[in-house]
N, C-alpha and C. Protein backbone atom coordinates (compact mmCIF):
# COMPACT_ATOMS: atom_id res chain seq x y z
N MET A 1 -25.65 -18.69 -3.50
CA MET A 1 -25.10 -18.44 -2.20
C MET A 1 -25.09 -19.71 -1.35
N SER A 2 -26.16 -20.52 -1.42
CA SER A 2 -26.22 -21.74 -0.62
C SER A 2 -25.16 -22.74 -1.09
N ARG A 3 -24.80 -22.69 -2.38
CA ARG A 3 -23.76 -23.59 -2.89
C ARG A 3 -22.42 -23.26 -2.23
N ILE A 4 -22.14 -22.02 -2.01
CA ILE A 4 -20.88 -21.62 -1.36
C ILE A 4 -20.86 -22.13 0.07
N PHE A 5 -22.01 -22.02 0.78
CA PHE A 5 -22.06 -22.53 2.15
C PHE A 5 -21.89 -24.04 2.19
N ILE A 6 -22.51 -24.73 1.24
CA ILE A 6 -22.37 -26.20 1.19
C ILE A 6 -20.91 -26.57 0.91
N LEU A 7 -20.28 -25.90 -0.05
CA LEU A 7 -18.88 -26.16 -0.37
C LEU A 7 -17.98 -25.87 0.84
N ALA A 8 -18.24 -24.74 1.50
CA ALA A 8 -17.45 -24.39 2.67
C ALA A 8 -17.65 -25.42 3.77
N PHE A 9 -18.90 -25.87 3.98
CA PHE A 9 -19.19 -26.87 5.00
C PHE A 9 -18.45 -28.18 4.70
N VAL A 10 -18.48 -28.63 3.45
CA VAL A 10 -17.80 -29.88 3.05
C VAL A 10 -16.29 -29.73 3.27
N LEU A 11 -15.71 -28.61 2.90
CA LEU A 11 -14.28 -28.40 3.08
C LEU A 11 -13.90 -28.40 4.57
N PHE A 12 -14.67 -27.71 5.39
CA PHE A 12 -14.38 -27.69 6.83
C PHE A 12 -14.57 -29.08 7.44
N ALA A 13 -15.62 -29.79 7.05
CA ALA A 13 -15.85 -31.13 7.58
C ALA A 13 -14.69 -32.06 7.20
N THR A 14 -14.21 -31.95 5.98
CA THR A 14 -13.06 -32.76 5.54
C THR A 14 -11.82 -32.39 6.34
N LEU A 15 -11.57 -31.12 6.53
CA LEU A 15 -10.42 -30.66 7.29
C LEU A 15 -10.47 -31.17 8.73
N PHE A 16 -11.61 -31.09 9.37
CA PHE A 16 -11.74 -31.57 10.74
C PHE A 16 -11.57 -33.09 10.82
N ALA A 17 -12.09 -33.81 9.84
CA ALA A 17 -11.96 -35.27 9.83
C ALA A 17 -10.50 -35.69 9.68
N VAL A 18 -9.77 -35.00 8.83
CA VAL A 18 -8.35 -35.31 8.63
C VAL A 18 -7.56 -34.99 9.90
N ASN A 19 -7.84 -33.88 10.53
CA ASN A 19 -7.13 -33.52 11.76
C ASN A 19 -7.49 -34.43 12.93
N ALA A 20 -8.70 -34.96 12.94
CA ALA A 20 -9.14 -35.82 14.04
C ALA A 20 -8.62 -37.25 13.89
N ALA A 21 -8.22 -37.66 12.69
CA ALA A 21 -7.74 -39.02 12.47
C ALA A 21 -6.43 -39.22 13.25
N PRO A 22 -6.30 -40.36 13.92
CA PRO A 22 -5.06 -40.59 14.68
C PRO A 22 -3.87 -40.73 13.74
N LEU A 23 -2.81 -40.11 14.14
CA LEU A 23 -1.59 -40.23 13.35
C LEU A 23 -0.89 -41.52 13.72
N GLU A 24 -0.23 -42.14 12.75
CA GLU A 24 0.51 -43.36 13.01
C GLU A 24 1.69 -43.02 13.92
N LEU A 25 1.81 -43.75 15.02
CA LEU A 25 2.90 -43.50 15.94
C LEU A 25 4.19 -44.06 15.36
N GLU A 26 5.25 -43.31 15.50
CA GLU A 26 6.55 -43.76 15.02
C GLU A 26 7.21 -44.57 16.12
N LYS A 27 7.42 -45.87 15.85
CA LYS A 27 8.05 -46.73 16.83
C LYS A 27 9.56 -46.54 16.74
N ARG A 28 10.16 -46.25 17.87
CA ARG A 28 11.61 -46.08 17.90
C ARG A 28 12.26 -47.40 18.29
N GLU A 29 13.13 -47.85 17.44
CA GLU A 29 13.87 -49.08 17.72
C GLU A 29 15.03 -48.76 18.64
N THR A 30 15.27 -49.62 19.62
CA THR A 30 16.41 -49.43 20.51
C THR A 30 17.68 -49.63 19.70
N LYS A 31 18.55 -48.64 19.73
CA LYS A 31 19.81 -48.69 18.99
C LYS A 31 20.92 -49.18 19.91
N PHE A 32 21.81 -49.99 19.36
CA PHE A 32 22.95 -50.53 20.09
C PHE A 32 24.25 -50.14 19.38
N PRO A 33 24.70 -48.90 19.54
CA PRO A 33 25.98 -48.51 18.93
C PRO A 33 27.13 -49.16 19.70
N PRO A 34 28.34 -49.15 19.12
CA PRO A 34 29.50 -49.72 19.82
C PRO A 34 29.70 -49.04 21.17
N CYS A 35 30.18 -49.81 22.14
CA CYS A 35 30.46 -49.28 23.47
C CYS A 35 31.54 -48.20 23.37
N PRO A 36 31.46 -47.18 24.21
CA PRO A 36 32.50 -46.14 24.18
C PRO A 36 33.83 -46.71 24.67
N GLY A 37 34.91 -46.25 24.05
CA GLY A 37 36.25 -46.62 24.50
C GLY A 37 36.68 -48.03 24.16
N LEU A 38 36.11 -48.61 23.09
CA LEU A 38 36.54 -49.96 22.70
C LEU A 38 38.01 -49.93 22.28
N PRO A 39 38.77 -50.94 22.68
CA PRO A 39 40.18 -50.98 22.27
C PRO A 39 40.31 -51.35 20.79
N PRO A 40 41.49 -51.11 20.20
CA PRO A 40 41.70 -51.50 18.80
C PRO A 40 41.47 -53.00 18.63
N GLY A 41 40.84 -53.37 17.55
CA GLY A 41 40.55 -54.78 17.28
C GLY A 41 39.21 -55.24 17.81
N ALA A 42 38.57 -54.45 18.66
CA ALA A 42 37.23 -54.79 19.16
C ALA A 42 36.20 -54.13 18.25
N VAL A 43 35.07 -54.77 18.06
CA VAL A 43 34.06 -54.29 17.12
C VAL A 43 32.72 -54.10 17.82
N GLY A 44 31.83 -53.36 17.18
CA GLY A 44 30.46 -53.25 17.62
C GLY A 44 29.66 -54.44 17.11
N LEU A 45 28.52 -54.67 17.68
CA LEU A 45 27.66 -55.78 17.29
C LEU A 45 26.34 -55.25 16.76
N ASP A 46 25.69 -56.03 15.90
CA ASP A 46 24.35 -55.71 15.41
C ASP A 46 23.36 -56.44 16.31
N ILE A 47 22.59 -55.68 17.08
CA ILE A 47 21.69 -56.26 18.09
C ILE A 47 20.25 -55.88 17.76
N LYS A 48 19.36 -56.86 17.79
CA LYS A 48 17.92 -56.63 17.71
C LYS A 48 17.32 -57.26 18.96
N MET A 49 16.49 -56.50 19.65
CA MET A 49 15.90 -56.95 20.90
C MET A 49 14.37 -57.02 20.75
N THR A 50 13.78 -58.11 21.26
CA THR A 50 12.33 -58.28 21.22
C THR A 50 11.87 -58.76 22.58
N PRO A 51 10.87 -58.17 23.22
CA PRO A 51 10.16 -56.98 22.79
C PRO A 51 11.04 -55.73 22.89
N ASP A 52 10.70 -54.77 22.10
CA ASP A 52 11.45 -53.51 22.05
C ASP A 52 10.46 -52.38 22.21
N PRO A 53 10.55 -51.58 23.25
CA PRO A 53 11.60 -51.50 24.27
C PRO A 53 11.49 -52.64 25.28
N ALA A 54 12.54 -52.77 26.09
CA ALA A 54 12.59 -53.82 27.11
C ALA A 54 11.43 -53.65 28.09
N VAL A 55 10.90 -54.78 28.55
CA VAL A 55 9.77 -54.78 29.48
C VAL A 55 10.25 -55.37 30.81
N ILE A 56 9.95 -54.69 31.88
CA ILE A 56 10.37 -55.14 33.22
C ILE A 56 9.90 -56.57 33.46
N GLY A 57 10.85 -57.44 33.80
CA GLY A 57 10.55 -58.83 34.13
C GLY A 57 10.19 -59.74 32.97
N ALA A 58 10.20 -59.21 31.75
CA ALA A 58 9.81 -60.01 30.59
C ALA A 58 11.00 -60.75 30.00
N LYS A 59 10.71 -61.83 29.30
CA LYS A 59 11.75 -62.57 28.60
C LYS A 59 12.11 -61.80 27.33
N GLU A 60 13.34 -61.35 27.25
CA GLU A 60 13.84 -60.59 26.09
C GLU A 60 14.59 -61.55 25.18
N THR A 61 14.42 -61.38 23.89
CA THR A 61 15.16 -62.16 22.91
C THR A 61 16.14 -61.22 22.22
N PHE A 62 17.41 -61.59 22.23
CA PHE A 62 18.46 -60.79 21.61
C PHE A 62 19.00 -61.54 20.40
N ASP A 63 18.86 -60.94 19.22
CA ASP A 63 19.49 -61.46 18.00
C ASP A 63 20.80 -60.71 17.87
N ILE A 64 21.90 -61.45 17.93
CA ILE A 64 23.23 -60.86 18.01
C ILE A 64 24.04 -61.31 16.79
N LYS A 65 24.60 -60.33 16.08
CA LYS A 65 25.42 -60.63 14.90
C LYS A 65 26.65 -59.73 14.93
N GLY A 66 27.73 -60.25 14.40
CA GLY A 66 28.93 -59.44 14.30
C GLY A 66 30.03 -60.21 13.60
N THR A 67 30.95 -59.47 13.01
CA THR A 67 32.12 -60.06 12.36
C THR A 67 33.33 -59.63 13.18
N MET A 68 33.93 -60.59 13.85
CA MET A 68 35.05 -60.31 14.74
C MET A 68 36.34 -60.08 13.96
N GLU A 69 37.21 -59.29 14.54
CA GLU A 69 38.54 -59.08 13.96
C GLU A 69 39.54 -60.08 14.53
N LYS A 70 39.11 -60.84 15.56
CA LYS A 70 39.95 -61.87 16.16
C LYS A 70 39.15 -63.16 16.20
N ASP A 71 39.83 -64.30 16.21
CA ASP A 71 39.16 -65.59 16.31
C ASP A 71 38.40 -65.69 17.63
N ILE A 72 37.25 -66.39 17.59
CA ILE A 72 36.53 -66.75 18.81
C ILE A 72 36.92 -68.20 19.11
N VAL A 73 37.43 -68.43 20.31
CA VAL A 73 37.90 -69.76 20.71
C VAL A 73 37.19 -70.19 21.98
N ASP A 74 37.44 -71.46 22.38
CA ASP A 74 36.82 -71.99 23.58
C ASP A 74 37.11 -71.10 24.78
N LYS A 75 36.11 -70.92 25.61
CA LYS A 75 36.13 -70.10 26.83
C LYS A 75 35.95 -68.61 26.56
N ASP A 76 35.85 -68.18 25.30
CA ASP A 76 35.44 -66.80 25.03
C ASP A 76 33.97 -66.72 25.42
N TRP A 77 33.55 -65.59 25.93
CA TRP A 77 32.21 -65.49 26.50
C TRP A 77 31.37 -64.41 25.83
N LEU A 78 30.07 -64.62 25.94
CA LEU A 78 29.06 -63.65 25.50
C LEU A 78 28.33 -63.22 26.77
N GLY A 79 28.22 -61.91 26.98
CA GLY A 79 27.53 -61.40 28.16
C GLY A 79 26.43 -60.44 27.77
N ILE A 80 25.31 -60.52 28.48
CA ILE A 80 24.19 -59.59 28.31
C ILE A 80 23.81 -59.11 29.71
N GLY A 81 23.72 -57.80 29.87
CA GLY A 81 23.39 -57.29 31.19
C GLY A 81 22.79 -55.90 31.16
N PHE A 82 22.12 -55.56 32.24
CA PHE A 82 21.54 -54.23 32.43
C PHE A 82 22.38 -53.55 33.52
N ILE A 83 22.75 -52.29 33.29
CA ILE A 83 23.60 -51.56 34.24
C ILE A 83 22.91 -50.27 34.65
N ASP A 84 22.81 -50.03 35.95
CA ASP A 84 22.29 -48.77 36.49
C ASP A 84 23.40 -47.74 36.36
N LEU A 85 23.18 -46.72 35.55
CA LEU A 85 24.23 -45.73 35.28
C LEU A 85 24.45 -44.77 36.44
N ASP A 86 23.43 -44.52 37.25
CA ASP A 86 23.60 -43.62 38.38
C ASP A 86 24.31 -44.30 39.54
N GLU A 87 23.93 -45.53 39.83
CA GLU A 87 24.54 -46.28 40.94
C GLU A 87 25.83 -46.99 40.50
N GLN A 88 26.04 -47.10 39.21
CA GLN A 88 27.19 -47.78 38.61
C GLN A 88 27.31 -49.21 39.14
N LYS A 89 26.19 -49.94 38.98
CA LYS A 89 26.17 -51.34 39.38
C LYS A 89 25.18 -52.08 38.49
N PRO A 90 25.32 -53.40 38.41
CA PRO A 90 24.39 -54.17 37.59
C PRO A 90 22.98 -54.15 38.17
N ILE A 91 22.00 -54.24 37.28
CA ILE A 91 20.61 -54.40 37.69
C ILE A 91 20.29 -55.88 37.44
N GLY A 92 20.06 -56.62 38.48
CA GLY A 92 19.84 -58.05 38.30
C GLY A 92 21.15 -58.77 38.02
N ARG A 93 21.03 -59.98 37.56
CA ARG A 93 22.20 -60.81 37.29
C ARG A 93 22.42 -60.90 35.78
N PRO A 94 23.64 -60.59 35.31
CA PRO A 94 23.89 -60.68 33.86
C PRO A 94 23.92 -62.14 33.39
N LEU A 95 23.67 -62.32 32.12
CA LEU A 95 23.78 -63.62 31.48
C LEU A 95 25.18 -63.72 30.89
N ILE A 96 25.92 -64.75 31.26
CA ILE A 96 27.26 -64.95 30.71
C ILE A 96 27.36 -66.39 30.24
N LEU A 97 27.71 -66.55 28.96
CA LEU A 97 27.77 -67.88 28.34
C LEU A 97 29.12 -68.10 27.67
N ASN A 98 29.61 -69.33 27.74
CA ASN A 98 30.77 -69.73 26.93
C ASN A 98 30.26 -69.86 25.50
N ILE A 99 30.77 -69.05 24.60
CA ILE A 99 30.26 -69.02 23.23
C ILE A 99 30.33 -70.39 22.58
N CYS A 100 31.42 -71.10 22.79
CA CYS A 100 31.59 -72.40 22.14
C CYS A 100 30.66 -73.47 22.70
N ALA A 101 30.02 -73.22 23.84
CA ALA A 101 29.07 -74.16 24.42
C ALA A 101 27.63 -73.86 23.99
N ILE A 102 27.42 -72.78 23.22
CA ILE A 102 26.08 -72.43 22.75
C ILE A 102 25.69 -73.42 21.66
N PRO A 103 24.51 -74.06 21.76
CA PRO A 103 24.08 -75.00 20.72
C PRO A 103 24.09 -74.33 19.35
N GLY A 104 24.64 -75.04 18.36
CA GLY A 104 24.69 -74.53 17.00
C GLY A 104 25.93 -73.73 16.67
N VAL A 105 26.78 -73.46 17.66
CA VAL A 105 28.01 -72.71 17.43
C VAL A 105 29.17 -73.70 17.36
N THR A 106 29.95 -73.61 16.29
CA THR A 106 31.13 -74.45 16.12
C THR A 106 32.37 -73.59 16.24
N CYS A 107 33.24 -73.95 17.17
CA CYS A 107 34.47 -73.19 17.40
C CYS A 107 35.67 -73.96 16.87
N PRO A 108 36.72 -73.29 16.51
CA PRO A 108 36.89 -71.83 16.56
C PRO A 108 36.13 -71.15 15.42
N ILE A 109 35.78 -69.89 15.66
CA ILE A 109 35.18 -69.06 14.61
C ILE A 109 36.28 -68.12 14.16
N LYS A 110 36.68 -68.26 12.93
CA LYS A 110 37.81 -67.49 12.40
C LYS A 110 37.46 -66.01 12.26
N ALA A 111 38.46 -65.18 12.46
CA ALA A 111 38.30 -63.73 12.27
C ALA A 111 37.79 -63.48 10.86
N GLY A 112 36.88 -62.54 10.72
CA GLY A 112 36.31 -62.22 9.42
C GLY A 112 35.07 -63.02 9.09
N THR A 113 34.75 -64.03 9.90
CA THR A 113 33.55 -64.84 9.71
C THR A 113 32.45 -64.26 10.59
N GLU A 114 31.23 -64.13 10.04
CA GLU A 114 30.14 -63.57 10.83
C GLU A 114 29.73 -64.55 11.93
N PHE A 115 29.59 -64.02 13.12
CA PHE A 115 29.08 -64.76 14.26
C PHE A 115 27.63 -64.35 14.46
N SER A 116 26.75 -65.32 14.72
CA SER A 116 25.34 -65.00 14.91
C SER A 116 24.75 -65.96 15.93
N THR A 117 23.97 -65.42 16.85
CA THR A 117 23.27 -66.24 17.83
C THR A 117 22.02 -65.50 18.30
N THR A 118 21.07 -66.25 18.81
CA THR A 118 19.87 -65.69 19.42
C THR A 118 19.83 -66.19 20.85
N GLN A 119 19.73 -65.26 21.80
CA GLN A 119 19.72 -65.63 23.21
C GLN A 119 18.52 -65.00 23.90
N GLU A 120 17.97 -65.74 24.86
CA GLU A 120 16.88 -65.21 25.68
C GLU A 120 17.43 -64.86 27.05
N TYR A 121 16.94 -63.75 27.58
CA TYR A 121 17.39 -63.25 28.88
C TYR A 121 16.21 -62.54 29.52
N THR A 122 15.93 -62.87 30.76
CA THR A 122 14.81 -62.23 31.46
C THR A 122 15.27 -60.88 32.00
N ALA A 123 14.57 -59.84 31.58
CA ALA A 123 14.91 -58.48 32.03
C ALA A 123 14.71 -58.39 33.54
N PRO A 124 15.47 -57.52 34.19
CA PRO A 124 15.33 -57.36 35.65
C PRO A 124 13.92 -56.95 36.05
N GLY A 125 13.61 -57.15 37.33
CA GLY A 125 12.29 -56.81 37.87
C GLY A 125 12.07 -55.33 38.06
N GLU A 126 13.12 -54.52 37.87
CA GLU A 126 12.99 -53.07 37.95
C GLU A 126 14.09 -52.44 37.10
N PHE A 127 13.81 -51.25 36.61
CA PHE A 127 14.80 -50.47 35.87
C PHE A 127 15.01 -49.16 36.62
N SER A 128 16.23 -48.65 36.56
CA SER A 128 16.48 -47.32 37.13
C SER A 128 16.11 -46.27 36.07
N ALA A 129 16.17 -45.02 36.44
CA ALA A 129 15.83 -43.95 35.50
C ALA A 129 16.81 -43.88 34.33
N ARG A 130 18.08 -44.16 34.60
CA ARG A 130 19.12 -44.17 33.56
C ARG A 130 19.84 -45.51 33.64
N TYR A 131 19.71 -46.29 32.58
CA TYR A 131 20.39 -47.58 32.58
C TYR A 131 20.89 -47.90 31.18
N ALA A 132 21.78 -48.89 31.12
CA ALA A 132 22.33 -49.34 29.85
C ALA A 132 22.04 -50.82 29.70
N ILE A 133 21.80 -51.22 28.46
CA ILE A 133 21.72 -52.64 28.13
C ILE A 133 22.99 -52.92 27.34
N VAL A 134 23.81 -53.83 27.85
CA VAL A 134 25.11 -54.10 27.24
C VAL A 134 25.16 -55.53 26.74
N VAL A 135 25.66 -55.71 25.51
CA VAL A 135 25.92 -57.02 24.94
C VAL A 135 27.39 -57.02 24.55
N ALA A 136 28.15 -57.97 25.11
CA ALA A 136 29.60 -57.96 24.90
C ALA A 136 30.13 -59.36 24.67
N ILE A 137 31.24 -59.42 23.96
CA ILE A 137 31.98 -60.67 23.75
C ILE A 137 33.40 -60.41 24.24
N GLY A 138 33.92 -61.32 25.06
CA GLY A 138 35.25 -61.11 25.61
C GLY A 138 36.01 -62.40 25.78
N ARG A 139 37.26 -62.24 26.16
CA ARG A 139 38.17 -63.36 26.41
C ARG A 139 38.83 -63.11 27.76
N GLY A 140 38.77 -64.07 28.65
CA GLY A 140 39.38 -63.91 29.96
C GLY A 140 38.51 -63.07 30.87
N LEU A 141 39.01 -62.86 32.09
CA LEU A 141 38.27 -62.12 33.10
C LEU A 141 38.98 -60.82 33.43
N PRO A 142 38.21 -59.77 33.82
CA PRO A 142 38.84 -58.53 34.24
C PRO A 142 39.74 -58.78 35.45
N PRO A 143 40.80 -58.10 35.63
CA PRO A 143 41.27 -56.96 34.84
C PRO A 143 42.13 -57.36 33.64
N ASP A 144 42.38 -58.68 33.49
CA ASP A 144 43.24 -59.13 32.40
C ASP A 144 42.46 -59.53 31.16
N GLY A 145 41.17 -59.37 31.18
CA GLY A 145 40.33 -59.77 30.06
C GLY A 145 40.54 -58.91 28.83
N GLU A 146 40.09 -59.44 27.72
CA GLU A 146 40.23 -58.74 26.44
C GLU A 146 38.85 -58.57 25.81
N SER A 147 38.55 -57.38 25.36
CA SER A 147 37.29 -57.09 24.70
C SER A 147 37.39 -57.47 23.23
N LEU A 148 36.47 -58.31 22.76
CA LEU A 148 36.41 -58.65 21.34
C LEU A 148 35.31 -57.87 20.64
N ALA A 149 34.20 -57.61 21.35
CA ALA A 149 33.07 -56.87 20.77
C ALA A 149 32.19 -56.35 21.89
N CYS A 150 31.54 -55.22 21.63
CA CYS A 150 30.64 -54.66 22.64
C CYS A 150 29.73 -53.64 21.99
N SER A 151 28.45 -53.71 22.32
CA SER A 151 27.48 -52.69 21.94
C SER A 151 26.57 -52.44 23.13
N ALA A 152 26.14 -51.19 23.26
CA ALA A 152 25.31 -50.82 24.42
C ALA A 152 24.24 -49.83 24.00
N SER A 153 23.11 -49.94 24.65
CA SER A 153 22.03 -48.98 24.45
C SER A 153 21.82 -48.25 25.77
N ILE A 154 21.83 -46.93 25.70
CA ILE A 154 21.62 -46.11 26.89
C ILE A 154 20.16 -45.69 26.93
N ILE A 155 19.48 -45.99 28.03
CA ILE A 155 18.08 -45.64 28.20
C ILE A 155 18.00 -44.55 29.27
N GLY A 156 17.28 -43.48 28.96
CA GLY A 156 17.13 -42.39 29.90
C GLY A 156 18.01 -41.20 29.56
N ASP A 157 18.91 -41.37 28.64
CA ASP A 157 19.75 -40.30 28.10
C ASP A 157 19.84 -40.55 26.60
N SER A 158 20.15 -39.50 25.87
CA SER A 158 20.09 -39.61 24.42
C SER A 158 21.37 -40.12 23.78
N GLU A 159 22.46 -40.17 24.50
CA GLU A 159 23.72 -40.53 23.86
C GLU A 159 24.55 -41.44 24.73
N LEU A 160 25.46 -42.18 24.08
CA LEU A 160 26.39 -43.01 24.81
C LEU A 160 27.34 -42.16 25.64
N SER A 161 27.46 -40.89 25.31
CA SER A 161 28.33 -40.02 26.10
C SER A 161 27.76 -39.84 27.50
N ALA A 162 26.53 -40.32 27.72
CA ALA A 162 25.93 -40.21 29.04
C ALA A 162 26.53 -41.22 30.02
N VAL A 163 27.34 -42.16 29.52
CA VAL A 163 27.98 -43.11 30.41
C VAL A 163 28.95 -42.35 31.30
N PRO A 164 28.83 -42.49 32.62
CA PRO A 164 29.71 -41.75 33.52
C PRO A 164 31.18 -42.04 33.26
N VAL A 165 32.02 -41.04 33.42
CA VAL A 165 33.45 -41.20 33.23
C VAL A 165 33.96 -42.25 34.21
N GLY A 166 34.79 -43.15 33.72
CA GLY A 166 35.37 -44.17 34.58
C GLY A 166 34.52 -45.43 34.70
N LEU A 167 33.31 -45.44 34.11
CA LEU A 167 32.48 -46.63 34.17
C LEU A 167 32.98 -47.61 33.13
N ASP A 168 33.38 -48.78 33.56
CA ASP A 168 33.89 -49.82 32.67
C ASP A 168 32.87 -50.95 32.64
N VAL A 169 32.22 -51.15 31.49
CA VAL A 169 31.17 -52.16 31.40
C VAL A 169 31.71 -53.55 31.73
N TRP A 170 32.99 -53.78 31.56
CA TRP A 170 33.57 -55.10 31.82
C TRP A 170 33.49 -55.44 33.29
N ASP A 171 33.40 -54.46 34.17
CA ASP A 171 33.31 -54.73 35.59
C ASP A 171 31.95 -55.30 35.97
N PHE A 172 30.97 -55.22 35.08
CA PHE A 172 29.61 -55.63 35.41
C PHE A 172 29.16 -56.92 34.74
N LEU A 173 29.91 -57.37 33.77
CA LEU A 173 29.52 -58.59 33.07
C LEU A 173 30.34 -59.77 33.53
């Protein structure tokens, strides 16, 4: 009889120890799907952000890759910005660079050739409850500008469909 109690005690102790052990937390990587409503010929970008998730006021590193369907030429730009989705305005000042002036980039970059760069950008000093992080490549300025590539991550909502109707990310970069 005492053997049964000992066996039962060992089994319960093992069960409690397993349940008490901390479970490994699943880290969710920030996803950057293509921006909604991209015109024909514009592509999504492969974006990795560090630290992930974004930290208020911290220096963020963006690894940006993509294969364009159009050539990248002088004065084409790369933009990174945070957008408040409720107020429909930028949070802080976006980073906008002439791609051909980025060290290590040789222009023109022919269509079908992978473009890759790493850029640092300081995140704004505050985030709204619903915001987007947008990384875009374009030619010219709105309203006559042309979208070559765009990817965005929506924070505070689960889908890109959360972008308010009529919000054009080009107005903020």
